[in-house]
Amino acid sequence: MVTYGALSVTGILDTPTQMLEGGLALSTDYKLTIEAASLPGLDTGASLTLTSLVGLPANNGAYTVREVSPEGDGSFAIATLSKV
């Protein structure tokens, strides 16, 4: 469940991990896919709360939106997030 202000919607969280510094460090990117119209006004700097993540309980919590971009025909959007 994704909460933004008074709105709560369902989204898909993807957490790909990248190796940095020749494998000496790992970095996790948080990407949230949502229906574009489901969170009107979502933009860089917005605060989101993610809860009820099936299989990923460690990723429940607060996030800040780094970037929002349309996906495909614009029906969906991908929000790149930073965990707070």
PDB file of N, CA and C in Angstrom:
ATOM      1  N   MET A   1       0.853  -1.173   0.000  1.00  0.00           N
ATOM      2  CA  MET A   1       0.000   0.000   0.000  1.00  0.00           C
ATOM      3  C   MET A   1       0.900   1.238   0.000  1.00  0.00           C
ATOM      4  N   VAL A   2       0.547   2.192  -0.839  1.00  0.00           N
ATOM      5  CA  VAL A   2       1.288   3.448  -0.955  1.00  0.00           C
ATOM      6  C   VAL A   2       0.397   4.571  -0.437  1.00  0.00           C
ATOM      7  N   THR A   3       0.902   5.341   0.517  1.00  0.00           N
ATOM      8  CA  THR A   3       0.140   6.457   1.056  1.00  0.00           C
ATOM      9  C   THR A   3       0.851   7.759   0.717  1.00  0.00           C
ATOM     10  N   TYR A   4       0.074   8.676   0.124  1.00  0.00           N
ATOM     11  CA  TYR A   4       0.563  10.008  -0.252  1.00  0.00           C
ATOM     12  C   TYR A   4      -0.494  10.996   0.214  1.00  0.00           C
ATOM     13  N   GLY A   5      -0.210  11.721   1.277  1.00  0.00           N
ATOM     14  CA  GLY A   5      -1.215  12.607   1.847  1.00  0.00           C
ATOM     15  C   GLY A   5      -2.392  11.783   2.336  1.00  0.00           C
ATOM     16  N   ALA A   6      -3.592  12.121   1.879  1.00  0.00           N
ATOM     17  CA  ALA A   6      -4.793  11.393   2.288  1.00  0.00           C
ATOM     18  C   ALA A   6      -5.119  10.232   1.353  1.00  0.00           C
ATOM     19  N   LEU A   7      -4.316  10.047   0.305  1.00  0.00           N
ATOM     20  CA  LEU A   7      -4.591   9.004  -0.679  1.00  0.00           C
ATOM     21  C   LEU A   7      -3.809   7.735  -0.372  1.00  0.00           C
ATOM     22  N   SER A   8      -4.446   6.599  -0.561  1.00  0.00           N
ATOM     23  CA  SER A   8      -3.778   5.304  -0.434  1.00  0.00           C
ATOM     24  C   SER A   8      -4.108   4.475  -1.670  1.00  0.00           C
ATOM     25  N   VAL A   9      -3.066   3.963  -2.331  1.00  0.00           N
ATOM     26  CA  VAL A   9      -3.238   3.185  -3.551  1.00  0.00           C
ATOM     27  C   VAL A   9      -2.300   1.982  -3.519  1.00  0.00           C
ATOM     28  N   THR A  10      -2.507   1.087  -4.464  1.00  0.00           N
ATOM     29  CA  THR A  10      -1.642  -0.073  -4.610  1.00  0.00           C
ATOM     30  C   THR A  10      -0.586   0.238  -5.656  1.00  0.00           C
ATOM     31  N   GLY A  11       0.636  -0.202  -5.399  1.00  0.00           N
ATOM     32  CA  GLY A  11       1.727  -0.017  -6.343  1.00  0.00           C
ATOM     33  C   GLY A  11       2.632  -1.233  -6.321  1.00  0.00           C
ATOM     34  N   ILE A  12       3.599  -1.254  -7.230  1.00  0.00           N
ATOM     35  CA  ILE A  12       4.573  -2.342  -7.306  1.00  0.00           C
ATOM     36  C   ILE A  12       5.950  -1.762  -7.027  1.00  0.00           C
ATOM     37  N   LEU A  13       6.604  -2.254  -5.965  1.00  0.00           N
ATOM     38  CA  LEU A  13       7.940  -1.785  -5.602  1.00  0.00           C
ATOM     39  C   LEU A  13       8.977  -2.750  -6.151  1.00  0.00           C
ATOM     40  N   ASP A  14       9.939  -2.198  -6.892  1.00  0.00           N
ATOM     41  CA  ASP A  14      11.054  -2.971  -7.430  1.00  0.00           C
ATOM     42  C   ASP A  14      12.311  -2.476  -6.731  1.00  0.00           C
ATOM     43  N   THR A  15      13.166  -3.397  -6.290  1.00  0.00           N
ATOM     44  CA  THR A  15      14.356  -3.013  -5.530  1.00  0.00           C
ATOM     45  C   THR A  15      15.625  -3.625  -6.131  1.00  0.00           C
ATOM     46  N   PRO A  16      15.979  -3.240  -7.370  1.00  0.00           N
ATOM     47  CA  PRO A  16      17.202  -3.798  -7.946  1.00  0.00           C
ATOM     48  C   PRO A  16      18.440  -3.300  -7.193  1.00  0.00           C
ATOM     49  N   THR A  17      19.410  -4.186  -7.034  1.00  0.00           N
ATOM     50  CA  THR A  17      20.641  -3.846  -6.336  1.00  0.00           C
ATOM     51  C   THR A  17      21.785  -3.782  -7.339  1.00  0.00           C
ATOM     52  N   GLN A  18      22.630  -2.771  -7.202  1.00  0.00           N
ATOM     53  CA  GLN A  18      23.790  -2.599  -8.071  1.00  0.00           C
ATOM     54  C   GLN A  18      25.070  -2.742  -7.262  1.00  0.00           C
ATOM     55  N   MET A  19      26.091  -3.312  -7.891  1.00  0.00           N
ATOM     56  CA  MET A  19      27.406  -3.365  -7.258  1.00  0.00           C
ATOM     57  C   MET A  19      28.173  -2.109  -7.645  1.00  0.00           C
ATOM     58  N   LEU A  20      28.811  -1.496  -6.659  1.00  0.00           N
ATOM     59  CA  LEU A  20      29.600  -0.290  -6.878  1.00  0.00           C
ATOM     60  C   LEU A  20      31.033  -0.534  -6.433  1.00  0.00           C
ATOM     61  N   GLU A  21      31.923   0.315  -6.874  1.00  0.00           N
ATOM     62  CA  GLU A  21      33.320   0.256  -6.448  1.00  0.00           C
ATOM     63  C   GLU A  21      33.922  -1.134  -6.648  1.00  0.00           C
ATOM     64  N   GLY A  22      33.696  -1.697  -7.828  1.00  0.00           N
ATOM     65  CA  GLY A  22      34.269  -3.002  -8.130  1.00  0.00           C
ATOM     66  C   GLY A  22      33.767  -4.119  -7.239  1.00  0.00           C
ATOM     67  N   GLY A  23      32.534  -4.012  -6.783  1.00  0.00           N
ATOM     68  CA  GLY A  23      31.942  -5.047  -5.951  1.00  0.00           C
ATOM     69  C   GLY A  23      32.152  -4.849  -4.462  1.00  0.00           C
ATOM     70  N   LEU A  24      32.739  -3.722  -4.071  1.00  0.00           N
ATOM     71  CA  LEU A  24      33.003  -3.470  -2.656  1.00  0.00           C
ATOM     72  C   LEU A  24      31.802  -2.885  -1.920  1.00  0.00           C
ATOM     73  N   ALA A  25      30.830  -2.397  -2.665  1.00  0.00           N
ATOM     74  CA  ALA A  25      29.645  -1.795  -2.052  1.00  0.00           C
ATOM     75  C   ALA A  25      28.413  -2.145  -2.882  1.00  0.00           C
ATOM     76  N   LEU A  26      27.266  -2.185  -2.216  1.00  0.00           N
ATOM     77  CA  LEU A  26      26.001  -2.436  -2.888  1.00  0.00           C
ATOM     78  C   LEU A  26      25.101  -1.224  -2.723  1.00  0.00           C
ATOM     79  N   SER A  27      24.316  -0.940  -3.761  1.00  0.00           N
ATOM     80  CA  SER A  27      23.364   0.160  -3.718  1.00  0.00           C
ATOM     81  C   SER A  27      22.013  -0.354  -4.194  1.00  0.00           C
ATOM     82  N   THR A  28      20.960  -0.026  -3.454  1.00  0.00           N
ATOM     83  CA  THR A  28      19.619  -0.451  -3.831  1.00  0.00           C
ATOM     84  C   THR A  28      18.853   0.728  -4.402  1.00  0.00           C
ATOM     85  N   ASP A  29      18.301   0.530  -5.589  1.00  0.00           N
ATOM     86  CA  ASP A  29      17.411   1.517  -6.198  1.00  0.00           C
ATOM     87  C   ASP A  29      15.988   1.110  -5.847  1.00  0.00           C
ATOM     88  N   TYR A  30      15.180   2.073  -5.456  1.00  0.00           N
ATOM     89  CA  TYR A  30      13.777   1.800  -5.152  1.00  0.00           C
ATOM     90  C   TYR A  30      12.940   2.433  -6.246  1.00  0.00           C
ATOM     91  N   LYS A  31      12.187   1.602  -6.990  1.00  0.00           N
ATOM     92  CA  LYS A  31      11.343   2.093  -8.070  1.00  0.00           C
ATOM     93  C   LYS A  31       9.924   1.607  -7.836  1.00  0.00           C
ATOM     94  N   LEU A  32       9.003   2.552  -7.827  1.00  0.00           N
ATOM     95  CA  LEU A  32       7.599   2.272  -7.557  1.00  0.00           C
ATOM     96  C   LEU A  32       6.790   2.513  -8.826  1.00  0.00           C
ATOM     97  N   THR A  33       6.053   1.489  -9.260  1.00  0.00           N
ATOM     98  CA  THR A  33       5.177   1.620 -10.418  1.00  0.00           C
ATOM     99  C   THR A  33       3.746   1.785  -9.914  1.00  0.00           C
ATOM    100  N   ILE A  34       3.083   2.840 -10.412  1.00  0.00           N
ATOM    101  CA  ILE A  34       1.699   3.136 -10.021  1.00  0.00           C
ATOM    102  C   ILE A  34       0.906   3.566 -11.251  1.00  0.00           C
ATOM    103  N   GLU A  35      -0.403   3.521 -11.148  1.00  0.00           N
ATOM    104  CA  GLU A  35      -1.234   4.126 -12.189  1.00  0.00           C
ATOM    105  C   GLU A  35      -1.008   5.635 -12.115  1.00  0.00           C
ATOM    106  N   ALA A  36      -0.739   6.253 -13.234  1.00  0.00           N
ATOM    107  CA  ALA A  36      -0.366   7.670 -13.250  1.00  0.00           C
ATOM    108  C   ALA A  36      -1.424   8.562 -12.613  1.00  0.00           C
ATOM    109  N   ALA A  37      -2.681   8.266 -12.831  1.00  0.00           N
ATOM    110  CA  ALA A  37      -3.757   9.119 -12.309  1.00  0.00           C
ATOM    111  C   ALA A  37      -4.083   8.850 -10.839  1.00  0.00           C
ATOM    112  N   SER A  38      -3.476   7.813 -10.254  1.00  0.00           N
ATOM    113  CA  SER A  38      -3.861   7.431  -8.892  1.00  0.00           C
ATOM    114  C   SER A  38      -3.310   8.361  -7.811  1.00  0.00           C
ATOM    115  N   LEU A  39      -2.192   9.025  -8.080  1.00  0.00           N
ATOM    116  CA  LEU A  39      -1.610   9.960  -7.105  1.00  0.00           C
ATOM    117  C   LEU A  39      -1.362  11.303  -7.779  1.00  0.00           C
ATOM    118  N   PRO A  40      -2.422  12.086  -8.002  1.00  0.00           N
ATOM    119  CA  PRO A  40      -2.270  13.373  -8.678  1.00  0.00           C
ATOM    120  C   PRO A  40      -1.345  14.306  -7.898  1.00  0.00           C
ATOM    121  N   GLY A  41      -0.480  14.976  -8.625  1.00  0.00           N
ATOM    122  CA  GLY A  41       0.430  15.934  -7.999  1.00  0.00           C
ATOM    123  C   GLY A  41       1.711  15.318  -7.476  1.00  0.00           C
ATOM    124  N   LEU A  42       1.884  14.007  -7.612  1.00  0.00           N
ATOM    125  CA  LEU A  42       3.113  13.375  -7.140  1.00  0.00           C
ATOM    126  C   LEU A  42       4.294  13.912  -7.932  1.00  0.00           C
ATOM    127  N   ASP A  43       5.310  14.413  -7.223  1.00  0.00           N
ATOM    128  CA  ASP A  43       6.453  15.034  -7.892  1.00  0.00           C
ATOM    129  C   ASP A  43       7.695  14.894  -7.016  1.00  0.00           C
ATOM    130  N   THR A  44       8.818  15.316  -7.545  1.00  0.00           N
ATOM    131  CA  THR A  44      10.093  15.281  -6.836  1.00  0.00           C
ATOM    132  C   THR A  44       9.967  15.936  -5.465  1.00  0.00           C
ATOM    133  N   GLY A  45      10.503  15.262  -4.440  1.00  0.00           N
ATOM    134  CA  GLY A  45      10.488  15.793  -3.087  1.00  0.00           C
ATOM    135  C   GLY A  45       9.291  15.367  -2.255  1.00  0.00           C
ATOM    136  N   ALA A  46       8.290  14.744  -2.885  1.00  0.00           N
ATOM    137  CA  ALA A  46       7.103  14.304  -2.145  1.00  0.00           C
ATOM    138  C   ALA A  46       7.457  13.178  -1.181  1.00  0.00           C
ATOM    139  N   SER A  47       6.713  13.089  -0.088  1.00  0.00           N
ATOM    140  CA  SER A  47       6.907  12.023   0.899  1.00  0.00           C
ATOM    141  C   SER A  47       5.833  10.960   0.727  1.00  0.00           C
ATOM    142  N   LEU A  48       6.271   9.700   0.716  1.00  0.00           N
ATOM    143  CA  LEU A  48       5.364   8.561   0.604  1.00  0.00           C
ATOM    144  C   LEU A  48       5.606   7.616   1.770  1.00  0.00           C
ATOM    145  N   THR A  49       4.584   6.856   2.124  1.00  0.00           N
ATOM    146  CA  THR A  49       4.740   5.788   3.096  1.00  0.00           C
ATOM    147  C   THR A  49       4.313   4.492   2.429  1.00  0.00           C
ATOM    148  N   LEU A  50       5.160   3.479   2.495  1.00  0.00           N
ATOM    149  CA  LEU A  50       4.860   2.172   1.933  1.00  0.00           C
ATOM    150  C   LEU A  50       4.643   1.190   3.075  1.00  0.00           C
ATOM    151  N   THR A  51       3.544   0.457   3.002  1.00  0.00           N
ATOM    152  CA  THR A  51       3.216  -0.531   4.035  1.00  0.00           C
ATOM    153  C   THR A  51       2.684  -1.796   3.383  1.00  0.00           C
ATOM    154  N   SER A  52       2.624  -2.851   4.154  1.00  0.00           N
ATOM    155  CA  SER A  52       2.055  -4.133   3.705  1.00  0.00           C
ATOM    156  C   SER A  52       2.777  -4.684   2.483  1.00  0.00           C
ATOM    157  N   LEU A  53       4.104  -4.551   2.459  1.00  0.00           N
ATOM    158  CA  LEU A  53       4.866  -5.068   1.332  1.00  0.00           C
ATOM    159  C   LEU A  53       5.060  -6.573   1.502  1.00  0.00           C
ATOM    160  N   VAL A  54       4.410  -7.333   0.651  1.00  0.00           N
ATOM    161  CA  VAL A  54       4.468  -8.791   0.724  1.00  0.00           C
ATOM    162  C   VAL A  54       5.868  -9.255   0.336  1.00  0.00           C
ATOM    163  N   GLY A  55       6.507 -10.002   1.207  1.00  0.00           N
ATOM    164  CA  GLY A  55       7.831 -10.536   0.936  1.00  0.00           C
ATOM    165  C   GLY A  55       8.960  -9.554   1.147  1.00  0.00           C
ATOM    166  N   LEU A  56       8.636  -8.298   1.417  1.00  0.00           N
ATOM    167  CA  LEU A  56       9.658  -7.263   1.596  1.00  0.00           C
ATOM    168  C   LEU A  56       9.378  -6.424   2.836  1.00  0.00           C
ATOM    169  N   PRO A  57       9.110  -7.044   3.991  1.00  0.00           N
ATOM    170  CA  PRO A  57       8.725  -6.247   5.170  1.00  0.00           C
ATOM    171  C   PRO A  57       9.788  -5.249   5.601  1.00  0.00           C
ATOM    172  N   ALA A  58      11.058  -5.504   5.297  1.00  0.00           N
ATOM    173  CA  ALA A  58      12.119  -4.567   5.676  1.00  0.00           C
ATOM    174  C   ALA A  58      12.024  -3.260   4.889  1.00  0.00           C
ATOM    175  N   ASN A  59      11.272  -3.272   3.788  1.00  0.00           N
ATOM    176  CA  ASN A  59      11.148  -2.075   2.971  1.00  0.00           C
ATOM    177  C   ASN A  59       9.924  -1.236   3.322  1.00  0.00           C
ATOM    178  N   ASN A  60       9.140  -1.640   4.316  1.00  0.00           N
ATOM    179  CA  ASN A  60       8.036  -0.805   4.795  1.00  0.00           C
ATOM    180  C   ASN A  60       8.621   0.477   5.380  1.00  0.00           C
ATOM    181  N   GLY A  61       7.947   1.597   5.198  1.00  0.00           N
ATOM    182  CA  GLY A  61       8.412   2.826   5.828  1.00  0.00           C
ATOM    183  C   GLY A  61       8.289   4.040   4.936  1.00  0.00           C
ATOM    184  N   ALA A  62       9.052   5.086   5.297  1.00  0.00           N
ATOM    185  CA  ALA A  62       8.967   6.386   4.628  1.00  0.00           C
ATOM    186  C   ALA A  62       9.981   6.489   3.487  1.00  0.00           C
ATOM    187  N   TYR A  63       9.547   7.144   2.410  1.00  0.00           N
ATOM    188  CA  TYR A  63      10.383   7.356   1.229  1.00  0.00           C
ATOM    189  C   TYR A  63      10.193   8.778   0.732  1.00  0.00           C
ATOM    190  N   THR A  64      11.202   9.287   0.025  1.00  0.00           N
ATOM    191  CA  THR A  64      11.111  10.570  -0.659  1.00  0.00           C
ATOM    192  C   THR A  64      11.228  10.319  -2.152  1.00  0.00           C
ATOM    193  N   VAL A  65      10.391  10.971  -2.931  1.00  0.00           N
ATOM    194  CA  VAL A  65      10.404  10.809  -4.383  1.00  0.00           C
ATOM    195  C   VAL A  65      11.587  11.586  -4.967  1.00  0.00           C
ATOM    196  N   ARG A  66      12.425  10.902  -5.737  1.00  0.00           N
ATOM    197  CA  ARG A  66      13.552  11.539  -6.417  1.00  0.00           C
ATOM    198  C   ARG A  66      13.166  11.993  -7.821  1.00  0.00           C
ATOM    199  N   GLU A  67      12.318  11.202  -8.476  1.00  0.00           N
ATOM    200  CA  GLU A  67      11.925  11.519  -9.852  1.00  0.00           C
ATOM    201  C   GLU A  67      10.668  10.732 -10.194  1.00  0.00           C
ATOM    202  N   VAL A  68       9.814  11.314 -11.014  1.00  0.00           N
ATOM    203  CA  VAL A  68       8.629  10.622 -11.522  1.00  0.00           C
ATOM    204  C   VAL A  68       8.666  10.699 -13.039  1.00  0.00           C
ATOM    205  N   SER A  69       8.521   9.546 -13.698  1.00  0.00           N
ATOM    206  CA  SER A  69       8.535   9.544 -15.164  1.00  0.00           C
ATOM    207  C   SER A  69       7.431   8.637 -15.689  1.00  0.00           C
ATOM    208  N   PRO A  70       6.854   9.010 -16.843  1.00  0.00           N
ATOM    209  CA  PRO A  70       5.790   8.189 -17.421  1.00  0.00           C
ATOM    210  C   PRO A  70       6.360   6.874 -17.941  1.00  0.00           C
ATOM    211  N   GLU A  71       5.525   5.861 -17.932  1.00  0.00           N
ATOM    212  CA  GLU A  71       5.905   4.552 -18.446  1.00  0.00           C
ATOM    213  C   GLU A  71       4.999   4.212 -19.625  1.00  0.00           C
ATOM    214  N   GLY A  72       5.595   3.784 -20.731  1.00  0.00           N
ATOM    215  CA  GLY A  72       4.818   3.382 -21.905  1.00  0.00           C
ATOM    216  C   GLY A  72       3.960   4.519 -22.439  1.00  0.00           C
ATOM    217  N   ASP A  73       2.637   4.289 -22.497  1.00  0.00           N
ATOM    218  CA  ASP A  73       1.715   5.282 -23.046  1.00  0.00           C
ATOM    219  C   ASP A  73       1.302   6.344 -22.026  1.00  0.00           C
ATOM    220  N   GLY A  74       1.893   6.297 -20.826  1.00  0.00           N
ATOM    221  CA  GLY A  74       1.586   7.290 -19.798  1.00  0.00           C
ATOM    222  C   GLY A  74       0.498   6.868 -18.833  1.00  0.00           C
ATOM    223  N   SER A  75      -0.064   5.680 -19.030  1.00  0.00           N
ATOM    224  CA  SER A  75      -1.085   5.191 -18.098  1.00  0.00           C
ATOM    225  C   SER A  75      -0.481   4.870 -16.735  1.00  0.00           C
ATOM    226  N   PHE A  76       0.799   4.513 -16.752  1.00  0.00           N
ATOM    227  CA  PHE A  76       1.515   4.210 -15.524  1.00  0.00           C
ATOM    228  C   PHE A  76       2.679   5.172 -15.372  1.00  0.00           C
ATOM    229  N   ALA A  77       3.166   5.300 -14.151  1.00  0.00           N
ATOM    230  CA  ALA A  77       4.328   6.139 -13.871  1.00  0.00           C
ATOM    231  C   ALA A  77       5.285   5.344 -12.990  1.00  0.00           C
ATOM    232  N   ILE A  78       6.568   5.658 -13.141  1.00  0.00           N
ATOM    233  CA  ILE A  78       7.584   5.065 -12.269  1.00  0.00           C
ATOM    234  C   ILE A  78       8.178   6.169 -11.432  1.00  0.00           C
ATOM    235  N   ALA A  79       8.090   5.991 -10.119  1.00  0.00           N
ATOM    236  CA  ALA A  79       8.676   6.950  -9.174  1.00  0.00           C
ATOM    237  C   ALA A  79       9.957   6.331  -8.620  1.00  0.00           C
ATOM    238  N   THR A  80      11.072   7.014  -8.820  1.00  0.00           N
ATOM    239  CA  THR A  80      12.326   6.593  -8.227  1.00  0.00           C
ATOM    240  C   THR A  80      12.368   7.187  -6.819  1.00  0.00           C
ATOM    241  N   LEU A  81      12.661   6.333  -5.828  1.00  0.00           N
ATOM    242  CA  LEU A  81      12.534   6.732  -4.424  1.00  0.00           C
ATOM    243  C   LEU A  81      13.865   6.644  -3.669  1.00  0.00           C
ATOM    244  N   SER A  82      13.958   7.400  -2.589  1.00  0.00           N
ATOM    245  CA  SER A  82      15.028   7.265  -1.614  1.00  0.00           C
ATOM    246  C   SER A  82      14.381   6.891  -0.296  1.00  0.00           C
ATOM    247  N   LYS A  83      14.935   5.879   0.375  1.00  0.00           N
ATOM    248  CA  LYS A  83      14.390   5.490   1.682  1.00  0.00           C
ATOM    249  C   LYS A  83      14.866   6.486   2.729  1.00  0.00           C
ATOM    250  N   VAL A  84      13.936   6.917   3.577  1.00  0.00           N
ATOM    251  CA  VAL A  84      14.253   7.913   4.610  1.00  0.00           C
ATOM    252  C   VAL A  84      14.727   7.194   5.849  1.00  0.00           C
TER     253      VAL A  84
END
